[in-house]
């Protein structure tokens, strides 16, 4: 896996570990997150937070090994056609994934969604939009996946609803997150995660936690 991108200074500094308090479940010592910590300490603290988020994802989502529901092939075919043509909104997602598309239907959709949660290459979005995208940490996506899967298909998945699922965010954070999720909203629809009404699909309940799990997997 290529090194994950980090924000150069996104709104509210949500992408900057020294400014981020651990979630209530975290066991990371606050001293690991102080401003003068070494790069190695910050990387270790972030890795611990993401490891705990992945554990929470596994605990909160049943049957990660279940087979894909109906609709996978059709969703993948539509996404592949759009991605190969370089059409919005998947054009920047393909860039974030490194430019190559895997062959399998599930692998294609999971690769695109993983690139949204943890881009490995510049997206080509303008600086403000890329900063908003990077303000959504992979561990935030774990909260979203757990919350949506708990609610089940037809759960609202509009930007404000997604931001409300992020446990460690305060009200100001959620405004920033909602703006970031607004960029992602059409991607979720293009990958079959949400329907025309912006609600979670059965396919989305299968795809999203698996993509987030991949994004949180140690490199």
Protein backbone atom coordinates (compact mmCIF):
# COMPACT_ATOMS: atom_id res chain seq x y z
CA UNK A 1 0.00 0.00 0.00
CA UNK A 2 1.28 3.50 -0.78
CA UNK A 3 1.75 5.94 2.06
CA UNK A 4 -1.48 7.58 3.05
CA UNK A 5 -1.86 11.28 2.38
CA UNK A 6 -2.17 13.65 5.32
CA UNK A 7 -3.59 17.13 5.39
CA UNK A 8 -1.20 20.08 5.21
CA UNK A 9 -3.43 22.05 7.56
CA UNK A 10 -7.08 21.25 7.13
CA UNK A 11 -9.97 23.15 8.74
CA UNK A 12 -10.15 22.80 12.51
CA UNK A 13 -6.81 20.89 12.29
CA UNK A 14 -8.79 17.65 12.39
CA UNK A 15 -6.15 16.00 10.23
CA UNK A 16 -3.34 16.90 12.66
CA UNK A 17 -2.84 14.33 15.43
CA UNK A 18 -1.36 16.84 17.93
CA UNK A 19 -4.66 18.72 17.93
CA UNK A 20 -6.91 15.66 18.17
CA UNK A 21 -8.05 14.32 21.54
CA UNK A 22 -8.42 10.55 21.75
CA UNK A 23 -11.95 9.19 21.64
CA UNK A 24 -13.45 8.14 25.00
CA UNK A 25 -12.60 4.48 24.33
CA UNK A 26 -8.96 5.20 23.49
CA UNK A 27 -6.11 4.06 25.70
CA UNK A 28 -3.50 6.37 24.17
CA UNK A 29 -1.85 8.65 26.71
CA UNK A 30 -2.46 12.35 26.06
CA UNK A 31 1.28 12.94 26.35
CA UNK A 32 1.72 11.14 23.05
CA UNK A 33 -0.28 13.86 21.31
CA UNK A 34 1.38 17.04 22.56
CA UNK A 35 2.66 19.56 20.07
CA UNK A 36 6.35 18.91 20.74
CA UNK A 37 6.15 15.13 20.36
CA UNK A 38 8.53 13.53 17.88
CA UNK A 39 7.34 12.30 14.52
CA UNK A 40 7.83 8.74 15.71
CA UNK A 41 5.67 9.33 18.79
CA UNK A 42 2.95 10.97 16.71
CA UNK A 43 2.96 8.12 14.21
CA UNK A 44 2.74 5.61 17.06
CA UNK A 45 -0.14 7.50 18.67
CA UNK A 46 -2.04 7.71 15.39
CA UNK A 47 -1.43 4.02 14.72
CA UNK A 48 -2.83 3.18 18.17
CA UNK A 49 -5.95 5.26 17.56
CA UNK A 50 -6.51 3.60 14.19
CA UNK A 51 -5.91 0.14 15.63
CA UNK A 52 -8.58 0.80 18.26
CA UNK A 53 -10.93 2.15 15.57
CA UNK A 54 -10.44 -1.04 13.56
CA UNK A 55 -11.18 -3.15 16.64
CA UNK A 56 -14.33 -1.12 17.20
CA UNK A 57 -15.32 -1.64 13.57
CA UNK A 58 -14.90 -5.41 13.89
CA UNK A 59 -16.87 -5.45 17.12
CA UNK A 60 -19.67 -3.25 15.79
CA UNK A 61 -20.27 -4.81 12.37
CA UNK A 62 -21.53 -8.38 12.17
CA UNK A 63 -20.60 -10.84 9.45
CA UNK A 64 -17.74 -9.02 7.73
CA UNK A 65 -17.17 -12.30 5.92
CA UNK A 66 -20.73 -12.56 4.55
CA UNK A 67 -21.17 -12.78 0.77
CA UNK A 68 -22.08 -9.65 -1.17
CA UNK A 69 -25.77 -8.91 -1.66
CA UNK A 70 -27.47 -8.52 -5.01
CA UNK A 71 -26.53 -5.51 -7.06
CA UNK A 72 -22.75 -5.74 -6.77
CA UNK A 73 -22.17 -6.47 -10.45
CA UNK A 74 -24.42 -3.69 -11.70
CA UNK A 75 -22.93 -1.13 -9.31
CA UNK A 76 -19.40 -2.13 -10.28
CA UNK A 77 -20.20 -1.97 -14.01
CA UNK A 78 -21.57 1.55 -13.69
CA UNK A 79 -18.67 2.71 -11.53
CA UNK A 80 -16.09 1.16 -13.85
CA UNK A 81 -17.57 2.81 -16.92
CA UNK A 82 -17.63 6.21 -15.21
CA UNK A 83 -14.13 5.79 -13.80
CA UNK A 84 -12.61 4.68 -17.11
CA UNK A 85 -14.15 7.70 -18.83
CA UNK A 86 -12.72 10.01 -16.18
CA UNK A 87 -16.17 11.29 -15.27
CA UNK A 88 -17.07 13.21 -12.14
CA UNK A 89 -17.27 12.28 -9.31
CA UNK A 90 -15.04 9.24 -9.72
CA UNK A 91 -12.30 11.09 -11.61
CA UNK A 92 -10.67 12.39 -8.43
CA UNK A 93 -11.26 9.10 -6.60
CA UNK A 94 -9.30 7.20 -9.26
CA UNK A 95 -6.45 9.68 -8.84
CA UNK A 96 -6.62 9.22 -5.05
CA UNK A 97 -6.35 5.45 -5.57
CA UNK A 98 -3.21 5.79 -7.68
CA UNK A 99 -4.81 5.68 -11.11
CA UNK A 100 -5.25 1.92 -11.61
CA UNK A 101 -8.47 -0.07 -11.40
CA UNK A 102 -8.62 -3.71 -10.24
CA UNK A 103 -10.48 -6.30 -12.28
CA UNK A 104 -12.95 -7.80 -9.81
CA UNK A 105 -16.30 -6.16 -9.11
CA UNK A 106 -15.98 -6.13 -5.33
CA UNK A 107 -12.31 -5.16 -5.45
CA UNK A 108 -13.09 -2.24 -7.75
CA UNK A 109 -15.74 -0.74 -5.48
CA UNK A 110 -13.73 -1.41 -2.33
CA UNK A 111 -10.66 0.21 -3.89
CA UNK A 112 -12.61 3.34 -4.80
CA UNK A 113 -14.19 3.63 -1.36
CA UNK A 114 -10.89 2.94 0.39
CA UNK A 115 -9.33 5.78 -1.61
CA UNK A 116 -12.03 8.10 -0.32
CA UNK A 117 -11.39 7.11 3.30
CA UNK A 118 -7.59 7.06 2.98
CA UNK A 119 -6.25 8.65 -0.23
CA UNK A 120 -2.77 7.51 -1.20
CA UNK A 121 -2.23 10.09 -3.95
CA UNK A 122 -3.27 13.73 -4.53
CA UNK A 123 -6.87 13.96 -5.64
CA UNK A 124 -6.55 16.90 -7.97
CA UNK A 125 -9.28 18.70 -6.06
CA UNK A 126 -8.62 22.30 -5.17
CA UNK A 127 -6.72 22.88 -1.93
CA UNK A 128 -9.78 23.73 0.14
CA UNK A 129 -11.74 20.68 -0.99
CA UNK A 130 -8.79 18.34 -0.51
CA UNK A 131 -8.29 19.72 3.01
CA UNK A 132 -11.96 19.09 3.76
CA UNK A 133 -11.67 15.53 2.46
CA UNK A 134 -8.58 14.89 4.58
CA UNK A 135 -10.32 16.30 7.65
CA UNK A 136 -12.28 13.02 7.72
CA UNK A 137 -9.91 10.57 9.38
CA UNK A 138 -10.14 6.83 8.63
CA UNK A 139 -11.17 6.33 12.26
CA UNK A 140 -14.05 8.75 11.66
CA UNK A 141 -15.13 6.47 8.81
CA UNK A 142 -15.13 3.59 11.29
CA UNK A 143 -17.72 5.47 13.37
CA UNK A 144 -19.76 6.10 10.24
CA UNK A 145 -19.64 2.46 9.12
CA UNK A 146 -20.60 1.16 12.56
CA UNK A 147 -23.43 3.67 12.93
CA UNK A 148 -24.88 3.11 9.48
CA UNK A 149 -24.69 -0.66 9.71
CA UNK A 150 -26.35 -0.59 13.12
CA UNK A 151 -29.21 1.43 11.62
CA UNK A 152 -29.35 -0.81 8.55
CA UNK A 153 -30.41 -0.26 4.95
CA UNK A 154 -32.50 2.87 4.36
CA UNK A 155 -30.64 4.73 7.13
CA UNK A 156 -30.08 8.39 6.16
CA UNK A 157 -26.60 8.94 4.76
CA UNK A 158 -26.66 12.64 3.93
CA UNK A 159 -23.58 14.68 4.96
CA UNK A 160 -25.08 15.93 8.21
CA UNK A 161 -26.21 12.44 9.20
CA UNK A 162 -22.74 11.03 8.54
CA UNK A 163 -21.05 13.81 10.51
CA UNK A 164 -23.38 13.15 13.46
CA UNK A 165 -22.08 9.57 13.65
CA UNK A 166 -18.49 10.63 14.40
CA UNK A 167 -18.23 10.10 18.14
CA UNK A 168 -15.27 12.28 19.04
CA UNK A 169 -16.39 15.34 17.06
CA UNK A 170 -17.85 18.44 18.68
CA UNK A 171 -20.33 20.74 16.96
CA UNK A 172 -17.66 22.79 15.20
CA UNK A 173 -15.93 19.63 14.03
CA UNK A 174 -19.20 18.28 12.67
CA UNK A 175 -19.69 21.34 10.50
CA UNK A 176 -16.29 20.73 8.93
CA UNK A 177 -16.98 17.02 8.61
CA UNK A 178 -20.34 17.64 6.98
CA UNK A 179 -18.63 19.79 4.35
CA UNK A 180 -16.16 16.98 3.72
CA UNK A 181 -18.91 14.39 3.51
CA UNK A 182 -20.63 16.67 1.02
CA UNK A 183 -17.73 16.03 -1.37
CA UNK A 184 -18.08 12.29 -0.80
CA UNK A 185 -21.87 12.11 -1.13
CA UNK A 186 -21.94 11.70 -4.95
CA UNK A 187 -19.15 9.11 -4.75
CA UNK A 188 -21.19 6.98 -2.37
CA UNK A 189 -24.08 7.13 -4.81
CA UNK A 190 -21.85 6.29 -7.78
CA UNK A 191 -20.53 3.20 -5.97
CA UNK A 192 -23.98 1.97 -4.96
CA UNK A 193 -23.54 2.71 -1.25
CA UNK A 194 -26.53 5.05 -1.22
CA UNK A 195 -29.71 5.24 -3.25
CA UNK A 196 -31.29 8.16 -5.08
CA UNK A 197 -32.75 9.40 -1.79
CA UNK A 198 -29.34 9.45 -0.10
CA UNK A 199 -30.07 6.42 2.08
CA UNK A 200 -27.90 3.41 2.79
CA UNK A 201 -28.43 0.43 0.50
CA UNK A 202 -27.98 -3.22 1.42
CA UNK A 203 -24.94 -3.21 -0.86
CA UNK A 204 -23.62 -0.13 0.92
CA UNK A 205 -23.96 -1.85 4.29
CA UNK A 206 -21.76 -4.61 2.88
CA UNK A 207 -19.22 -2.40 1.09
CA UNK A 208 -18.58 0.43 3.51
CA UNK A 209 -17.27 -1.47 6.55
CA UNK A 210 -15.03 -3.60 4.34
CA UNK A 211 -13.58 -0.54 2.61
CA UNK A 212 -12.98 1.17 5.96
CA UNK A 213 -11.36 -1.99 7.29
CA UNK A 214 -8.95 -1.88 4.37
CA UNK A 215 -8.25 1.80 5.00
CA UNK A 216 -7.42 1.07 8.64
CA UNK A 217 -5.28 -1.98 7.91
CA UNK A 218 -1.68 -1.32 8.98
CA UNK A 219 0.57 -0.69 6.00
